[in-house]
Amino acid sequence: MLHGARDRVYGDAYNRHPAFYAFSRTLEAYKETQNKNSVLILTTDSDYYRYLKDAAGPAPAR
């Protein structure tokens, strides 16, 4: 029963915002494959890097 509800939520999310759903699943995959000793190397053109940079807000003025 729980899996059916979860699947419906994922299906609704995908139907409403496919790009965000894909990004969210990518973040989940990163989380599941990393541990405290992992090192993640990102290029500046990766979606994940851009998301982290944008989430930090604008850079302070110098």
C-alpha atoms as a PDB file:
ATOM      1  CA  MET A   1       0.000   0.000   0.000  1.00  0.00           C
ATOM      2  CA  LEU A   2       2.767   2.450   0.881  1.00  0.00           C
ATOM      3  CA  HIS A   3       4.606   1.822  -2.365  1.00  0.00           C
ATOM      4  CA  GLY A   4       1.454   2.592  -4.352  1.00  0.00           C
ATOM      5  CA  ALA A   5       1.051   5.956  -2.597  1.00  0.00           C
ATOM      6  CA  ARG A   6       4.726   6.749  -3.084  1.00  0.00           C
ATOM      7  CA  ASP A   7       4.530   5.854  -6.760  1.00  0.00           C
ATOM      8  CA  ARG A   8       1.490   8.099  -7.216  1.00  0.00           C
ATOM      9  CA  VAL A   9       3.341  11.022  -5.583  1.00  0.00           C
ATOM     10  CA  TYR A  10       6.368  10.472  -7.843  1.00  0.00           C
ATOM     11  CA  GLY A  11       4.099  10.155 -10.879  1.00  0.00           C
ATOM     12  CA  ASP A  12       2.283  13.387 -10.029  1.00  0.00           C
ATOM     13  CA  ALA A  13       5.575  15.206  -9.488  1.00  0.00           C
ATOM     14  CA  TYR A  14       6.911  13.963 -12.816  1.00  0.00           C
ATOM     15  CA  ASN A  15       3.768  14.973 -14.684  1.00  0.00           C
ATOM     16  CA  ARG A  16       3.766  18.472 -13.193  1.00  0.00           C
ATOM     17  CA  HIS A  17       7.506  19.272 -13.412  1.00  0.00           C
ATOM     18  CA  PRO A  18       9.513  16.670 -15.359  1.00  0.00           C
ATOM     19  CA  ALA A  19      12.786  18.653 -15.206  1.00  0.00           C
ATOM     20  CA  PHE A  20      12.562  19.174 -11.448  1.00  0.00           C
ATOM     21  CA  TYR A  21      11.632  15.534 -10.936  1.00  0.00           C
ATOM     22  CA  ALA A  22      14.694  14.436 -12.905  1.00  0.00           C
ATOM     23  CA  PHE A  23      16.903  16.800 -10.913  1.00  0.00           C
ATOM     24  CA  SER A  24      15.424  15.583  -7.622  1.00  0.00           C
ATOM     25  CA  ARG A  25      16.082  11.956  -8.569  1.00  0.00           C
ATOM     26  CA  THR A  26      19.659  12.887  -9.491  1.00  0.00           C
ATOM     27  CA  LEU A  27      20.166  14.394  -6.039  1.00  0.00           C
ATOM     28  CA  GLU A  28      18.780  11.243  -4.448  1.00  0.00           C
ATOM     29  CA  ALA A  29      21.200   9.151  -6.497  1.00  0.00           C
ATOM     30  CA  TYR A  30      24.132  11.307  -5.359  1.00  0.00           C
ATOM     31  CA  LYS A  31      23.002  10.940  -1.743  1.00  0.00           C
ATOM     32  CA  GLU A  32      22.663   7.163  -2.014  1.00  0.00           C
ATOM     33  CA  THR A  33      26.102   6.678  -3.558  1.00  0.00           C
ATOM     34  CA  GLN A  34      28.106   8.989  -1.289  1.00  0.00           C
ATOM     35  CA  ASN A  35      29.538   8.410   2.163  1.00  0.00           C
ATOM     36  CA  LYS A  36      31.521  10.633   4.537  1.00  0.00           C
ATOM     37  CA  ASN A  37      34.789   9.733   2.778  1.00  0.00           C
ATOM     38  CA  SER A  38      33.532  10.390  -0.755  1.00  0.00           C
ATOM     39  CA  VAL A  39      34.904  13.146  -2.930  1.00  0.00           C
ATOM     40  CA  LEU A  40      32.674  14.533  -5.654  1.00  0.00           C
ATOM     41  CA  ILE A  41      34.393  16.405  -8.467  1.00  0.00           C
ATOM     42  CA  LEU A  42      32.076  18.660 -10.445  1.00  0.00           C
ATOM     43  CA  THR A  43      32.618  20.696 -13.544  1.00  0.00           C
ATOM     44  CA  THR A  44      31.319  24.251 -13.536  1.00  0.00           C
ATOM     45  CA  ASP A  45      28.869  23.370 -16.315  1.00  0.00           C
ATOM     46  CA  SER A  46      27.156  20.564 -14.379  1.00  0.00           C
ATOM     47  CA  ASP A  47      23.543  21.036 -13.316  1.00  0.00           C
ATOM     48  CA  TYR A  48      24.409  20.015  -9.763  1.00  0.00           C
ATOM     49  CA  TYR A  49      27.165  22.627  -9.484  1.00  0.00           C
ATOM     50  CA  ARG A  50      24.911  25.361 -10.862  1.00  0.00           C
ATOM     51  CA  TYR A  51      22.172  24.381  -8.415  1.00  0.00           C
ATOM     52  CA  LEU A  52      24.547  24.538  -5.442  1.00  0.00           C
ATOM     53  CA  LYS A  53      25.963  27.869  -6.615  1.00  0.00           C
ATOM     54  CA  ASP A  54      22.493  29.385  -7.125  1.00  0.00           C
ATOM     55  CA  ALA A  55      21.277  28.045  -3.760  1.00  0.00           C
ATOM     56  CA  ALA A  56      24.095  29.904  -2.008  1.00  0.00           C
ATOM     57  CA  GLY A  57      22.727  33.217  -3.277  1.00  0.00           C
ATOM     58  CA  PRO A  58      24.608  36.064  -4.906  1.00  0.00           C
ATOM     59  CA  ALA A  59      28.266  36.539  -4.123  1.00  0.00           C
ATOM     60  CA  PRO A  60      29.009  39.408  -1.704  1.00  0.00           C
ATOM     61  CA  ALA A  61      30.188  42.652  -3.275  1.00  0.00           C
ATOM     62  CA  ARG A  62      33.909  43.336  -3.047  1.00  0.00           C
END
